[in-house]
Amino acid sequence: TSARKIAMSIANSPLVKTAIAGEDANWGRVVMAVGK
């Protein structure tokens, strides 16, 4: 359940999703999404 919530936090992050659109492996945004 915890893994699902964290995965969804990453998946729903506009910052993560726009970085992927820009082909930028911006792991800092993934860290942000995990933390929040």
Full PDB file with SEQRES, HELIX, SHEET, SSBOND, CRYST1, ORIGX, SCALE, CONECT and MASTER records, all heavy atoms in Angstrom:
SEQRES   1 A   36  THR SER ALA ARG LYS ILE ALA MET SER ILE ALA ASN SER          
SEQRES   2 A   36  PRO LEU VAL LYS THR ALA ILE ALA GLY GLU ASP ALA ASN          
SEQRES   3 A   36  TRP GLY ARG VAL VAL MET ALA VAL GLY LYS                      
HELIX    1 AA1 SER A    2  ALA A   11  1                                  10    
HELIX    2 AA2 PRO A   14  ALA A   21  1                                   8    
HELIX    3 AA3 TRP A   27  GLY A   35  1                                   9    
CRYST1    1.000    1.000    1.000  90.00  90.00  90.00 P 1           1          
ORIGX1      1.000000  0.000000  0.000000        0.00000                         
ORIGX2      0.000000  1.000000  0.000000        0.00000                         
ORIGX3      0.000000  0.000000  1.000000        0.00000                         
SCALE1      1.000000  0.000000  0.000000        0.00000                         
SCALE2      0.000000  1.000000  0.000000        0.00000                         
SCALE3      0.000000  0.000000  1.000000        0.00000                         
ATOM      1  N   THR A   1       0.829  -1.203   0.000  1.00  0.00           N  
ATOM      2  CA  THR A   1       0.000   0.000   0.000  1.00  0.00           C  
ATOM      3  C   THR A   1       0.865   1.256   0.000  1.00  0.00           C  
ATOM      4  O   THR A   1       0.588   2.218  -0.723  1.00  0.00           O  
ATOM      5  CB  THR A   1      -0.928   0.014   1.231  1.00  0.00           C  
ATOM      6  OG1 THR A   1      -1.792  -1.124   1.178  1.00  0.00           O  
ATOM      7  CG2 THR A   1      -1.772   1.278   1.273  1.00  0.00           C  
ATOM      8  N   SER A   2       1.922   1.237   0.793  1.00  0.00           N  
ATOM      9  CA  SER A   2       2.843   2.369   0.846  1.00  0.00           C  
ATOM     10  C   SER A   2       3.539   2.554  -0.502  1.00  0.00           C  
ATOM     11  O   SER A   2       3.685   3.675  -1.001  1.00  0.00           O  
ATOM     12  CB  SER A   2       3.880   2.154   1.948  1.00  0.00           C  
ATOM     13  OG  SER A   2       4.758   3.258   2.036  1.00  0.00           O  
ATOM     14  N   ALA A   3       3.948   1.434  -1.119  1.00  0.00           N  
ATOM     15  CA  ALA A   3       4.606   1.499  -2.429  1.00  0.00           C  
ATOM     16  C   ALA A   3       3.665   2.090  -3.469  1.00  0.00           C  
ATOM     17  O   ALA A   3       4.082   2.888  -4.317  1.00  0.00           O  
ATOM     18  CB  ALA A   3       5.062   0.106  -2.844  1.00  0.00           C  
ATOM     19  N   ARG A   4       2.371   1.716  -3.422  1.00  0.00           N  
ATOM     20  CA  ARG A   4       1.389   2.250  -4.364  1.00  0.00           C  
ATOM     21  C   ARG A   4       1.248   3.768  -4.205  1.00  0.00           C  
ATOM     22  O   ARG A   4       1.222   4.513  -5.185  1.00  0.00           O  
ATOM     23  CB  ARG A   4       0.032   1.557  -4.166  1.00  0.00           C  
ATOM     24  CG  ARG A   4      -1.151   2.185  -4.901  1.00  0.00           C  
ATOM     25  CD  ARG A   4      -1.062   2.067  -6.410  1.00  0.00           C  
ATOM     26  NE  ARG A   4      -1.047   0.682  -6.842  1.00  0.00           N  
ATOM     27  CZ  ARG A   4      -2.141  -0.055  -7.098  1.00  0.00           C  
ATOM     28  NH1 ARG A   4      -3.342   0.481  -6.968  1.00  0.00           N  
ATOM     29  NH2 ARG A   4      -2.016  -1.303  -7.506  1.00  0.00           N  
ATOM     30  N   LYS A   5       1.153   4.232  -2.977  1.00  0.00           N  
ATOM     31  CA  LYS A   5       0.988   5.670  -2.747  1.00  0.00           C  
ATOM     32  C   LYS A   5       2.191   6.463  -3.237  1.00  0.00           C  
ATOM     33  O   LYS A   5       2.047   7.548  -3.810  1.00  0.00           O  
ATOM     34  CB  LYS A   5       0.741   5.934  -1.259  1.00  0.00           C  
ATOM     35  CG  LYS A   5      -0.623   5.454  -0.767  1.00  0.00           C  
ATOM     36  CD  LYS A   5      -0.814   5.743   0.712  1.00  0.00           C  
ATOM     37  CE  LYS A   5      -2.189   5.279   1.172  1.00  0.00           C  
ATOM     38  NZ  LYS A   5      -2.404   5.517   2.623  1.00  0.00           N  
ATOM     39  N   ILE A   6       3.376   5.917  -3.028  1.00  0.00           N  
ATOM     40  CA  ILE A   6       4.588   6.606  -3.483  1.00  0.00           C  
ATOM     41  C   ILE A   6       4.660   6.591  -5.006  1.00  0.00           C  
ATOM     42  O   ILE A   6       4.989   7.608  -5.639  1.00  0.00           O  
ATOM     43  CB  ILE A   6       5.834   5.965  -2.858  1.00  0.00           C  
ATOM     44  CG1 ILE A   6       5.853   6.221  -1.348  1.00  0.00           C  
ATOM     45  CG2 ILE A   6       7.109   6.516  -3.502  1.00  0.00           C  
ATOM     46  CD1 ILE A   6       6.928   5.458  -0.601  1.00  0.00           C  
ATOM     47  N   ALA A   7       4.330   5.447  -5.605  1.00  0.00           N  
ATOM     48  CA  ALA A   7       4.350   5.351  -7.060  1.00  0.00           C  
ATOM     49  C   ALA A   7       3.361   6.322  -7.691  1.00  0.00           C  
ATOM     50  O   ALA A   7       3.659   6.985  -8.693  1.00  0.00           O  
ATOM     51  CB  ALA A   7       4.036   3.919  -7.495  1.00  0.00           C  
ATOM     52  N   MET A   8       2.187   6.451  -7.084  1.00  0.00           N  
ATOM     53  CA  MET A   8       1.184   7.384  -7.598  1.00  0.00           C  
ATOM     54  C   MET A   8       1.620   8.834  -7.397  1.00  0.00           C  
ATOM     55  O   MET A   8       1.328   9.700  -8.228  1.00  0.00           O  
ATOM     56  CB  MET A   8      -0.169   7.139  -6.923  1.00  0.00           C  
ATOM     57  CG  MET A   8      -0.950   5.989  -7.511  1.00  0.00           C  
ATOM     58  SD  MET A   8      -1.444   6.342  -9.230  1.00  0.00           S  
ATOM     59  CE  MET A   8      -2.509   4.940  -9.567  1.00  0.00           C  
ATOM     60  N   SER A   9       2.314   9.104  -6.319  1.00  0.00           N  
ATOM     61  CA  SER A   9       2.829  10.453  -6.080  1.00  0.00           C  
ATOM     62  C   SER A   9       3.801  10.848  -7.193  1.00  0.00           C  
ATOM     63  O   SER A   9       3.779  11.980  -7.696  1.00  0.00           O  
ATOM     64  CB  SER A   9       3.537  10.516  -4.721  1.00  0.00           C  
ATOM     65  OG  SER A   9       4.061  11.810  -4.481  1.00  0.00           O  
ATOM     66  N   ILE A  10       4.629   9.909  -7.600  1.00  0.00           N  
ATOM     67  CA  ILE A  10       5.572  10.158  -8.700  1.00  0.00           C  
ATOM     68  C   ILE A  10       4.815  10.297 -10.013  1.00  0.00           C  
ATOM     69  O   ILE A  10       5.039  11.240 -10.791  1.00  0.00           O  
ATOM     70  CB  ILE A  10       6.593   9.008  -8.800  1.00  0.00           C  
ATOM     71  CG1 ILE A  10       7.420   8.905  -7.520  1.00  0.00           C  
ATOM     72  CG2 ILE A  10       7.520   9.207 -10.003  1.00  0.00           C  
ATOM     73  CD1 ILE A  10       8.236   7.618  -7.414  1.00  0.00           C  
ATOM     74  N   ALA A  11       3.890   9.373 -10.255  1.00  0.00           N  
ATOM     75  CA  ALA A  11       3.164   9.334 -11.525  1.00  0.00           C  
ATOM     76  C   ALA A  11       2.297  10.563 -11.749  1.00  0.00           C  
ATOM     77  O   ALA A  11       2.081  10.983 -12.890  1.00  0.00           O  
ATOM     78  CB  ALA A  11       2.303   8.077 -11.589  1.00  0.00           C  
ATOM     79  N   ASN A  12       1.788  11.141 -10.669  1.00  0.00           N  
ATOM     80  CA  ASN A  12       0.897  12.289 -10.796  1.00  0.00           C  
ATOM     81  C   ASN A  12       1.613  13.636 -10.686  1.00  0.00           C  
ATOM     82  O   ASN A  12       0.975  14.689 -10.756  1.00  0.00           O  
ATOM     83  CB  ASN A  12      -0.206  12.224  -9.737  1.00  0.00           C  
ATOM     84  CG  ASN A  12      -1.286  11.222 -10.086  1.00  0.00           C  
ATOM     85  OD1 ASN A  12      -1.623  11.053 -11.252  1.00  0.00           O  
ATOM     86  ND2 ASN A  12      -1.830  10.537  -9.087  1.00  0.00           N  
ATOM     87  N   SER A  13       2.910  13.611 -10.538  1.00  0.00           N  
ATOM     88  CA  SER A  13       3.652  14.867 -10.412  1.00  0.00           C  
ATOM     89  C   SER A  13       3.822  15.546 -11.774  1.00  0.00           C  
ATOM     90  O   SER A  13       4.460  14.991 -12.672  1.00  0.00           O  
ATOM     91  CB  SER A  13       5.040  14.610  -9.813  1.00  0.00           C  
ATOM     92  OG  SER A  13       5.857  15.748  -9.976  1.00  0.00           O  
ATOM     93  N   PRO A  14       3.282  16.746 -11.959  1.00  0.00           N  
ATOM     94  CA  PRO A  14       3.487  17.465 -13.220  1.00  0.00           C  
ATOM     95  C   PRO A  14       4.966  17.715 -13.501  1.00  0.00           C  
ATOM     96  O   PRO A  14       5.391  17.708 -14.659  1.00  0.00           O  
ATOM     97  CB  PRO A  14       2.737  18.785 -13.011  1.00  0.00           C  
ATOM     98  CG  PRO A  14       1.718  18.476 -11.964  1.00  0.00           C  
ATOM     99  CD  PRO A  14       2.394  17.503 -11.052  1.00  0.00           C  
ATOM    100  N   LEU A  15       5.748  17.910 -12.459  1.00  0.00           N  
ATOM    101  CA  LEU A  15       7.181  18.163 -12.656  1.00  0.00           C  
ATOM    102  C   LEU A  15       7.906  16.926 -13.161  1.00  0.00           C  
ATOM    103  O   LEU A  15       8.771  17.002 -14.045  1.00  0.00           O  
ATOM    104  CB  LEU A  15       7.810  18.653 -11.353  1.00  0.00           C  
ATOM    105  CG  LEU A  15       7.418  20.065 -10.918  1.00  0.00           C  
ATOM    106  CD1 LEU A  15       8.034  20.389  -9.567  1.00  0.00           C  
ATOM    107  CD2 LEU A  15       7.850  21.087 -11.957  1.00  0.00           C  
ATOM    108  N   VAL A  16       7.548  15.758 -12.631  1.00  0.00           N  
ATOM    109  CA  VAL A  16       8.147  14.520 -13.131  1.00  0.00           C  
ATOM    110  C   VAL A  16       7.716  14.286 -14.578  1.00  0.00           C  
ATOM    111  O   VAL A  16       8.535  13.973 -15.454  1.00  0.00           O  
ATOM    112  CB  VAL A  16       7.737  13.315 -12.255  1.00  0.00           C  
ATOM    113  CG1 VAL A  16       8.192  11.998 -12.901  1.00  0.00           C  
ATOM    114  CG2 VAL A  16       8.325  13.440 -10.861  1.00  0.00           C  
ATOM    115  N   LYS A  17       6.437  14.464 -14.841  1.00  0.00           N  
ATOM    116  CA  LYS A  17       5.882  14.158 -16.161  1.00  0.00           C  
ATOM    117  C   LYS A  17       6.399  15.107 -17.240  1.00  0.00           C  
ATOM    118  O   LYS A  17       6.642  14.700 -18.381  1.00  0.00           O  
ATOM    119  CB  LYS A  17       4.357  14.184 -16.090  1.00  0.00           C  
ATOM    120  CG  LYS A  17       3.786  13.041 -15.250  1.00  0.00           C  
ATOM    121  CD  LYS A  17       2.382  13.311 -14.763  1.00  0.00           C  
ATOM    122  CE  LYS A  17       1.367  13.227 -15.843  1.00  0.00           C  
ATOM    123  NZ  LYS A  17       1.149  11.833 -16.315  1.00  0.00           N  
ATOM    124  N   THR A  18       6.587  16.384 -16.890  1.00  0.00           N  
ATOM    125  CA  THR A  18       7.129  17.325 -17.881  1.00  0.00           C  
ATOM    126  C   THR A  18       8.613  17.078 -18.117  1.00  0.00           C  
ATOM    127  O   THR A  18       9.111  17.271 -19.228  1.00  0.00           O  
ATOM    128  CB  THR A  18       6.903  18.783 -17.447  1.00  0.00           C  
ATOM    129  OG1 THR A  18       7.361  18.966 -16.099  1.00  0.00           O  
ATOM    130  CG2 THR A  18       5.432  19.154 -17.523  1.00  0.00           C  
ATOM    131  N   ALA A  19       9.336  16.632 -17.093  1.00  0.00           N  
ATOM    132  CA  ALA A  19      10.750  16.291 -17.276  1.00  0.00           C  
ATOM    133  C   ALA A  19      10.881  15.134 -18.256  1.00  0.00           C  
ATOM    134  O   ALA A  19      11.760  15.137 -19.134  1.00  0.00           O  
ATOM    135  CB  ALA A  19      11.388  15.925 -15.936  1.00  0.00           C  
ATOM    136  N   ILE A  20       9.980  14.146 -18.129  1.00  0.00           N  
ATOM    137  CA  ILE A  20      10.006  13.007 -19.044  1.00  0.00           C  
ATOM    138  C   ILE A  20       9.669  13.463 -20.462  1.00  0.00           C  
ATOM    139  O   ILE A  20      10.280  13.006 -21.437  1.00  0.00           O  
ATOM    140  CB  ILE A  20       9.048  11.910 -18.553  1.00  0.00           C  
ATOM    141  CG1 ILE A  20       9.567  11.330 -17.231  1.00  0.00           C  
ATOM    142  CG2 ILE A  20       8.907  10.806 -19.602  1.00  0.00           C  
ATOM    143  CD1 ILE A  20       8.586  10.431 -16.538  1.00  0.00           C  
ATOM    144  N   ALA A  21       8.714  14.376 -20.583  1.00  0.00           N  
ATOM    145  CA  ALA A  21       8.376  14.918 -21.900  1.00  0.00           C  
ATOM    146  C   ALA A  21       9.586  15.603 -22.533  1.00  0.00           C  
ATOM    147  O   ALA A  21       9.786  15.547 -23.747  1.00  0.00           O  
ATOM    148  CB  ALA A  21       7.212  15.902 -21.781  1.00  0.00           C  
ATOM    149  N   GLY A  22      10.403  16.242 -21.692  1.00  0.00           N  
ATOM    150  CA  GLY A  22      11.603  16.903 -22.167  1.00  0.00           C  
ATOM    151  C   GLY A  22      12.816  15.997 -22.244  1.00  0.00           C  
ATOM    152  O   GLY A  22      13.931  16.464 -22.504  1.00  0.00           O  
ATOM    153  N   GLU A  23      12.581  14.691 -22.005  1.00  0.00           N  
ATOM    154  CA  GLU A  23      13.641  13.668 -22.054  1.00  0.00           C  
ATOM    155  C   GLU A  23      14.784  13.994 -21.101  1.00  0.00           C  
ATOM    156  O   GLU A  23      15.961  13.803 -21.405  1.00  0.00           O  
ATOM    157  CB  GLU A  23      14.137  13.487 -23.496  1.00  0.00           C  
ATOM    158  CG  GLU A  23      13.019  13.041 -24.430  1.00  0.00           C  
ATOM    159  CD  GLU A  23      13.455  12.802 -25.859  1.00  0.00           C  
ATOM    160  OE1 GLU A  23      14.550  13.279 -26.239  1.00  0.00           O  
ATOM    161  OE2 GLU A  23      12.704  12.132 -26.609  1.00  0.00           O  
ATOM    162  N   ASP A  24      14.389  14.467 -19.920  1.00  0.00           N  
ATOM    163  CA  ASP A  24      15.342  14.847 -18.881  1.00  0.00           C  
ATOM    164  C   ASP A  24      15.181  13.905 -17.690  1.00  0.00           C  
ATOM    165  O   ASP A  24      14.125  13.878 -17.059  1.00  0.00           O  
ATOM    166  CB  ASP A  24      15.080  16.295 -18.458  1.00  0.00           C  
ATOM    167  CG  ASP A  24      15.992  16.760 -17.326  1.00  0.00           C  
ATOM    168  OD1 ASP A  24      16.993  16.058 -17.037  1.00  0.00           O  
ATOM    169  OD2 ASP A  24      15.714  17.822 -16.740  1.00  0.00           O  
ATOM    170  N   ALA A  25      16.221  13.144 -17.373  1.00  0.00           N  
ATOM    171  CA  ALA A  25      16.175  12.225 -16.227  1.00  0.00           C  
ATOM    172  C   ALA A  25      16.396  13.010 -14.936  1.00  0.00           C  
ATOM    173  O   ALA A  25      17.400  12.846 -14.237  1.00  0.00           O  
ATOM    174  CB  ALA A  25      17.238  11.140 -16.381  1.00  0.00           C  
ATOM    175  N   ASN A  26      15.441  13.841 -14.607  1.00  0.00           N  
ATOM    176  CA  ASN A  26      15.560  14.732 -13.451  1.00  0.00           C  
ATOM    177  C   ASN A  26      15.152  13.973 -12.186  1.00  0.00           C  
ATOM    178  O   ASN A  26      14.009  14.030 -11.747  1.00  0.00           O  
ATOM    179  CB  ASN A  26      14.687  15.971 -13.653  1.00  0.00           C  
ATOM    180  CG  ASN A  26      14.979  17.058 -12.645  1.00  0.00           C  
ATOM    181  OD1 ASN A  26      15.426  16.780 -11.534  1.00  0.00           O  
ATOM    182  ND2 ASN A  26      14.721  18.298 -13.021  1.00  0.00           N  
ATOM    183  N   TRP A  27      16.118  13.255 -11.609  1.00  0.00           N  
ATOM    184  CA  TRP A  27      15.811  12.433 -10.434  1.00  0.00           C  
ATOM    185  C   TRP A  27      15.445  13.279  -9.220  1.00  0.00           C  
ATOM    186  O   TRP A  27      14.790  12.818  -8.304  1.00  0.00           O  
ATOM    187  CB  TRP A  27      16.977  11.495 -10.119  1.00  0.00           C  
ATOM    188  CG  TRP A  27      18.224  12.202  -9.642  1.00  0.00           C  
ATOM    189  CD1 TRP A  27      18.520  12.576  -8.364  1.00  0.00           C  
ATOM    190  CD2 TRP A  27      19.315  12.646 -10.440  1.00  0.00           C  
ATOM    191  NE1 TRP A  27      19.722  13.218  -8.314  1.00  0.00           N  
ATOM    192  CE2 TRP A  27      20.249  13.267  -9.570  1.00  0.00           C  
ATOM    193  CE3 TRP A  27      19.615  12.567 -11.797  1.00  0.00           C  
ATOM    194  CZ2 TRP A  27      21.443  13.818 -10.018  1.00  0.00           C  
ATOM    195  CZ3 TRP A  27      20.809  13.099 -12.242  1.00  0.00           C  
ATOM    196  CH2 TRP A  27      21.702  13.719 -11.364  1.00  0.00           C  
ATOM    197  N   GLY A  28      15.841  14.549  -9.233  1.00  0.00           N  
ATOM    198  CA  GLY A  28      15.473  15.423  -8.116  1.00  0.00           C  
ATOM    199  C   GLY A  28      13.972  15.552  -7.975  1.00  0.00           C  
ATOM    200  O   GLY A  28      13.443  15.644  -6.863  1.00  0.00           O  
ATOM    201  N   ARG A  29      13.267  15.536  -9.104  1.00  0.00           N  
ATOM    202  CA  ARG A  29      11.808  15.624  -9.059  1.00  0.00           C  
ATOM    203  C   ARG A  29      11.202  14.324  -8.546  1.00  0.00           C  
ATOM    204  O   ARG A  29      10.149  14.334  -7.905  1.00  0.00           O  
ATOM    205  CB  ARG A  29      11.275  15.977 -10.445  1.00  0.00           C  
ATOM    206  CG  ARG A  29      11.701  17.377 -10.885  1.00  0.00           C  
ATOM    207  CD  ARG A  29      11.147  17.757 -12.240  1.00  0.00           C  
ATOM    208  NE  ARG A  29      11.535  19.122 -12.581  1.00  0.00           N  
ATOM    209  CZ  ARG A  29      11.183  19.753 -13.694  1.00  0.00           C  
ATOM    210  NH1 ARG A  29      10.413  19.128 -14.580  1.00  0.00           N  
ATOM    211  NH2 ARG A  29      11.581  20.998 -13.931  1.00  0.00           N  
ATOM    212  N   VAL A  30      11.847  13.212  -8.827  1.00  0.00           N  
ATOM    213  CA  VAL A  30      11.383  11.926  -8.286  1.00  0.00           C  
ATOM    214  C   VAL A  30      11.576  11.915  -6.769  1.00  0.00           C  
ATOM    215  O   VAL A  30      10.700  11.483  -6.024  1.00  0.00           O  
ATOM    216  CB  VAL A  30      12.137  10.755  -8.941  1.00  0.00           C  
ATOM    217  CG1 VAL A  30      11.715   9.429  -8.310  1.00  0.00           C  
ATOM    218  CG2 VAL A  30      11.887  10.721 -10.443  1.00  0.00           C  
ATOM    219  N   VAL A  31      12.723  12.418  -6.311  1.00  0.00           N  
ATOM    220  CA  VAL A  31      12.975  12.526  -4.874  1.00  0.00           C  
ATOM    221  C   VAL A  31      11.888  13.373  -4.223  1.00  0.00           C  
ATOM    222  O   VAL A  31      11.351  13.036  -3.161  1.00  0.00           O  
ATOM    223  CB  VAL A  31      14.369  13.142  -4.610  1.00  0.00           C  
ATOM    224  CG1 VAL A  31      14.556  13.401  -3.110  1.00  0.00           C  
ATOM    225  CG2 VAL A  31      15.469  12.225  -5.123  1.00  0.00           C  
ATOM    226  N   MET A  32      11.555  14.496  -4.864  1.00  0.00           N  
ATOM    227  CA  MET A  32      10.499  15.364  -4.346  1.00  0.00           C  
ATOM    228  C   MET A  32       9.193  14.605  -4.191  1.00  0.00           C  
ATOM    229  O   MET A  32       8.511  14.696  -3.155  1.00  0.00           O  
ATOM    230  CB  MET A  32      10.322  16.549  -5.300  1.00  0.00           C  
ATOM    231  CG  MET A  32       9.130  17.456  -5.015  1.00  0.00           C  
ATOM    232  SD  MET A  32       7.531  16.873  -5.674  1.00  0.00           S  
ATOM    233  CE  MET A  32       7.853  16.827  -7.430  1.00  0.00           C  
ATOM    234  N   ALA A  33       8.822  13.835  -5.231  1.00  0.00           N  
ATOM    235  CA  ALA A  33       7.551  13.128  -5.219  1.00  0.00           C  
ATOM    236  C   ALA A  33       7.529  12.021  -4.167  1.00  0.00           C  
ATOM    237  O   ALA A  33       6.493  11.760  -3.548  1.00  0.00           O  
ATOM    238  CB  ALA A  33       7.274  12.544  -6.606  1.00  0.00           C  
ATOM    239  N   VAL A  34       8.660  11.371  -3.956  1.00  0.00           N  
ATOM    240  CA  VAL A  34       8.752  10.366  -2.889  1.00  0.00           C  
ATOM    241  C   VAL A  34       8.555  11.034  -1.537  1.00  0.00           C  
ATOM    242  O   VAL A  34       7.787  10.573  -0.689  1.00  0.00           O  
ATOM    243  CB  VAL A  34      10.119   9.642  -2.922  1.00  0.00           C  
ATOM    244  CG1 VAL A  34      10.282   8.747  -1.684  1.00  0.00           C  
ATOM    245  CG2 VAL A  34      10.263   8.815  -4.195  1.00  0.00           C  
ATOM    246  N   GLY A  35       9.219  12.143  -1.359  1.00  0.00           N  
ATOM    247  CA  GLY A  35       9.169  12.825  -0.069  1.00  0.00           C  
ATOM    248  C   GLY A  35       7.817  13.378   0.299  1.00  0.00           C  
ATOM    249  O   GLY A  35       7.455  13.418   1.482  1.00  0.00           O  
ATOM    250  N   LYS A  36       7.035  13.804  -0.696  1.00  0.00           N  
ATOM    251  CA  LYS A  36       5.735  14.430  -0.403  1.00  0.00           C  
ATOM    252  C   LYS A  36       4.613  13.414  -0.232  1.00  0.00           C  
ATOM    253  O   LYS A  36       3.498  13.782   0.134  1.00  0.00           O  
ATOM    254  CB  LYS A  36       5.351  15.409  -1.517  1.00  0.00           C  
ATOM    255  CG  LYS A  36       4.895  14.734  -2.802  1.00  0.00           C  
ATOM    256  CD  LYS A  36       4.301  15.742  -3.782  1.00  0.00           C  
ATOM    257  CE  LYS A  36       3.733  15.022  -5.005  1.00  0.00           C  
ATOM    258  NZ  LYS A  36       3.049  15.919  -5.932  1.00  0.00           N  
TER     259      LYS A  36                                                      
MASTER        0    0    0    3    0    0    0    6  258    1    0    3          
END                                                                             
